[in-house]
Amino acid sequence: MYEIEKKFHLSDEQQKRLLNGAKLISEQQISDTYFDDKSHSLTTKDCWLRKRNGNFELKAGLPGHDMRVINQYNEITNEDEIRERLNIQKTASIDEDLVAAGCAPFVHCVTTRRKYTKDGFTIDLDEVDYDSDFEYNLAEIELTFEDEAERQHAVNKILTFAKKNHLTDEPVRGKVIEYLAQKRPSHYQALVDAGVVKE
């Protein structure tokens, strides 16, 4: 499955306008732990391995996307596919095999997410807590699709929807990038050097 999302910081007025006519789908807490090795070989390739509420997921950046503009990922939730993508042999549980491959957690956060739908788009309003280090709030507008040929159309639809709702089109860091920028500057700089993060 492919996922296109754009992140925003919303003023109270922008949030009110965006949610006008939207339908609340759910409110939940999401526990995320992100993994990489000591040389950051996953994240510097724009691959984000996480354990979300007990299940592993891998988000792999699609070629040519720019985080400052819009996020475009292939999202893999099947453990066998994750192992294949990361070239990790199955000898024990995926947790144990990741440890054997040198992967370890580098950030844990809990997100309180309110999910809405409006005009065919998913809107997530997130309040992120990083083990009480600090908090971070952001909004995401998202579309998912099965065929990569739909990618540019999905990008254009999100940008048009954002403009229609008078949202500010400026770069916004995702929750993991924000954490690295504030708490792990050497890891953050590795992403800048690799071109994953553009300043």
Protein backbone atom coordinates (compact mmCIF):
# COMPACT_ATOMS: atom_id res chain seq x y z
CA MET A 1 0.00 0.00 0.00
CA TYR A 2 1.20 3.50 -0.79
CA GLU A 3 0.65 6.49 1.42
CA ILE A 4 0.82 10.20 0.64
CA GLU A 5 0.63 12.63 3.53
CA LYS A 6 1.32 16.27 4.20
CA LYS A 7 2.03 17.65 7.65
CA PHE A 8 0.88 20.99 9.04
CA HIS A 9 1.06 23.11 12.15
CA LEU A 10 -2.43 24.53 12.61
CA SER A 11 -3.57 27.71 14.26
CA ASP A 12 -6.84 27.46 16.19
CA GLU A 13 -8.62 29.17 13.30
CA GLN A 14 -7.12 26.81 10.70
CA GLN A 15 -8.05 23.77 12.76
CA LYS A 16 -11.61 25.00 13.17
CA ARG A 17 -11.93 25.60 9.42
CA LEU A 18 -10.34 22.25 8.52
CA LEU A 19 -12.65 20.30 10.85
CA ASN A 20 -15.79 22.09 9.69
CA GLY A 21 -17.84 19.33 8.05
CA ALA A 22 -15.33 16.62 9.03
CA LYS A 23 -16.44 13.40 10.71
CA LEU A 24 -14.58 12.06 13.74
CA ILE A 25 -13.66 8.41 13.08
CA SER A 26 -11.66 7.52 16.16
CA GLU A 27 -9.48 8.69 19.00
CA GLN A 28 -6.68 6.42 20.13
CA GLN A 29 -3.27 6.22 21.72
CA ILE A 30 -0.46 4.94 19.52
CA SER A 31 2.76 3.61 21.02
CA ASP A 32 5.68 3.77 18.57
CA THR A 33 9.25 2.55 18.97
CA TYR A 34 11.61 3.26 16.06
CA PHE A 35 14.67 1.13 15.26
CA ASP A 36 17.97 1.56 13.45
CA ASP A 37 21.57 0.40 13.73
CA LYS A 38 24.51 2.43 15.02
CA SER A 39 25.42 3.70 11.56
CA HIS A 40 21.81 4.78 10.86
CA SER A 41 21.76 2.61 7.76
CA LEU A 42 17.95 2.44 7.64
CA THR A 43 16.94 6.03 8.33
CA THR A 44 19.65 7.47 6.07
CA LYS A 45 17.95 5.50 3.27
CA ASP A 46 14.57 6.99 4.29
CA CYS A 47 13.44 3.64 5.74
CA TRP A 48 11.56 3.90 9.02
CA LEU A 49 11.17 0.67 10.97
CA ARG A 50 8.80 0.92 13.88
CA LYS A 51 6.94 -1.24 16.32
CA ARG A 52 3.46 0.26 16.58
CA ASN A 53 1.22 -1.06 19.33
CA GLY A 54 3.11 -4.37 19.24
CA ASN A 55 3.27 -4.83 15.44
CA PHE A 56 6.21 -4.07 13.17
CA GLU A 57 5.80 -1.74 10.21
CA LEU A 58 8.28 -0.42 7.65
CA LYS A 59 7.78 2.86 5.80
CA ALA A 60 10.09 3.15 2.80
CA GLY A 61 10.35 6.50 1.03
CA LEU A 62 9.34 6.55 -2.62
CA PRO A 63 11.99 7.84 -5.07
CA GLY A 64 12.07 11.56 -5.59
CA HIS A 65 9.86 12.67 -2.73
CA ASP A 66 10.82 15.68 -0.63
CA MET A 67 9.74 15.67 3.03
CA ARG A 68 9.54 19.45 2.99
CA VAL A 69 6.76 19.31 0.41
CA ILE A 70 4.86 16.07 0.96
CA ASN A 71 5.63 12.62 2.37
CA GLN A 72 5.36 9.63 0.02
CA TYR A 73 5.92 6.11 1.34
CA ASN A 74 5.42 2.46 0.63
CA GLU A 75 4.05 1.05 3.89
CA ILE A 76 4.85 -2.61 4.62
CA THR A 77 3.11 -4.38 7.50
CA ASN A 78 3.83 -8.03 6.70
CA GLU A 79 6.77 -9.35 8.76
CA ASP A 80 8.06 -11.59 5.98
CA GLU A 81 8.05 -8.67 3.55
CA ILE A 82 9.81 -6.49 6.12
CA ARG A 83 12.49 -9.15 6.59
CA GLU A 84 12.92 -9.44 2.81
CA ARG A 85 13.21 -5.67 2.38
CA LEU A 86 15.79 -5.44 5.19
CA ASN A 87 17.59 -8.67 4.19
CA ILE A 88 17.08 -10.22 7.65
CA GLN A 89 16.95 -13.99 7.83
CA LYS A 90 14.24 -15.66 9.93
CA THR A 91 15.95 -17.57 12.74
CA ALA A 92 13.82 -16.51 15.73
CA SER A 93 11.23 -13.82 16.46
CA ILE A 94 11.55 -10.62 14.48
CA ASP A 95 12.53 -8.79 17.70
CA GLU A 96 15.41 -11.22 18.28
CA ASP A 97 16.50 -11.19 14.65
CA LEU A 98 16.59 -7.38 14.64
CA VAL A 99 18.83 -7.39 17.70
CA ALA A 100 21.10 -9.93 15.99
CA ALA A 101 21.21 -7.64 12.93
CA GLY A 102 22.36 -4.75 15.13
CA CYS A 103 19.09 -2.84 15.23
CA ALA A 104 18.05 -1.13 18.45
CA PRO A 105 15.40 1.42 19.49
CA PHE A 106 16.35 5.08 19.14
CA VAL A 107 13.09 6.78 20.10
CA HIS A 108 9.84 5.87 21.79
CA CYS A 109 6.78 8.08 21.73
CA VAL A 110 3.09 7.90 22.52
CA THR A 111 0.71 9.76 20.22
CA THR A 112 -2.85 10.69 21.07
CA ARG A 113 -4.50 10.75 17.66
CA ARG A 114 -7.88 12.06 16.65
CA LYS A 115 -8.73 10.77 13.19
CA TYR A 116 -11.28 12.48 10.94
CA THR A 117 -12.51 12.08 7.40
CA LYS A 118 -13.51 14.90 5.08
CA ASP A 119 -14.09 14.94 1.31
CA GLY A 120 -12.35 11.56 0.92
CA PHE A 121 -9.25 12.58 2.89
CA THR A 122 -8.06 11.33 6.26
CA ILE A 123 -7.10 14.04 8.74
CA ASP A 124 -5.02 13.13 11.79
CA LEU A 125 -4.53 15.52 14.69
CA ASP A 126 -1.63 14.29 16.80
CA GLU A 127 -0.36 15.17 20.26
CA VAL A 128 3.00 13.42 20.70
CA ASP A 129 4.70 12.70 24.04
CA TYR A 130 8.32 11.53 23.98
CA ASP A 131 8.62 9.79 27.35
CA SER A 132 7.92 13.16 29.00
CA ASP A 133 10.99 14.81 27.39
CA PHE A 134 8.76 17.20 25.46
CA GLU A 135 5.55 17.29 23.45
CA TYR A 136 4.87 18.03 19.79
CA ASN A 137 1.57 18.72 18.01
CA LEU A 138 0.91 18.41 14.31
CA ALA A 139 -1.76 17.60 11.74
CA GLU A 140 -1.56 15.27 8.74
CA ILE A 141 -3.74 15.08 5.66
CA GLU A 142 -3.44 11.66 4.07
CA LEU A 143 -4.47 9.54 1.09
CA THR A 144 -3.65 5.87 0.55
CA PHE A 145 -3.73 3.96 -2.74
CA GLU A 146 -2.69 0.62 -4.20
CA ASP A 147 -1.23 1.53 -7.60
CA GLU A 148 1.91 3.69 -7.76
CA ALA A 149 0.61 5.17 -11.02
CA GLU A 150 -1.88 7.13 -8.87
CA ARG A 151 0.94 8.80 -6.93
CA GLN A 152 1.11 12.23 -8.61
CA HIS A 153 -2.67 12.47 -8.75
CA ALA A 154 -2.81 11.86 -4.98
CA VAL A 155 -0.14 14.51 -4.37
CA ASN A 156 -2.08 17.07 -6.41
CA LYS A 157 -5.33 16.22 -4.63
CA ILE A 158 -3.80 16.80 -1.18
CA LEU A 159 -2.19 20.10 -2.20
CA THR A 160 -5.47 21.30 -3.71
CA PHE A 161 -7.41 20.26 -0.60
CA ALA A 162 -4.92 22.06 1.67
CA LYS A 163 -5.15 25.25 -0.40
CA LYS A 164 -8.96 25.07 -0.39
CA ASN A 165 -8.85 24.94 3.42
CA HIS A 166 -6.40 27.89 3.63
CA LEU A 167 -3.60 25.85 5.21
CA THR A 168 -0.08 27.27 5.27
CA ASP A 169 2.20 25.43 2.84
CA GLU A 170 5.45 25.40 4.80
CA PRO A 171 7.89 22.64 5.77
CA VAL A 172 6.85 20.78 8.93
CA ARG A 173 8.98 18.12 10.58
CA GLY A 174 7.43 14.76 11.34
CA LYS A 175 7.49 13.56 14.94
CA VAL A 176 10.63 11.43 14.60
CA ILE A 177 12.60 14.08 12.70
CA GLU A 178 11.59 16.66 15.31
CA TYR A 179 12.83 14.39 18.10
CA LEU A 180 16.16 13.81 16.36
CA ALA A 181 16.60 17.53 15.70
CA GLN A 182 16.07 18.33 19.37
CA LYS A 183 17.58 15.33 21.15
CA ARG A 184 19.95 13.48 18.79
CA PRO A 185 21.72 16.07 16.66
CA SER A 186 24.36 13.66 15.29
CA HIS A 187 21.64 11.31 13.97
CA TYR A 188 19.74 14.30 12.58
CA GLN A 189 22.90 15.56 10.85
CA ALA A 190 23.43 12.11 9.31
CA LEU A 191 19.98 12.41 7.72
CA VAL A 192 20.83 15.89 6.41
CA ASP A 193 24.14 14.62 5.00
CA ALA A 194 22.31 11.72 3.32
CA GLY A 195 19.77 14.08 1.75
CA VAL A 196 16.83 12.50 3.58
CA VAL A 197 16.24 15.74 5.48
CA LYS A 198 16.61 18.98 3.56
CA GLU A 199 17.01 22.21 5.50
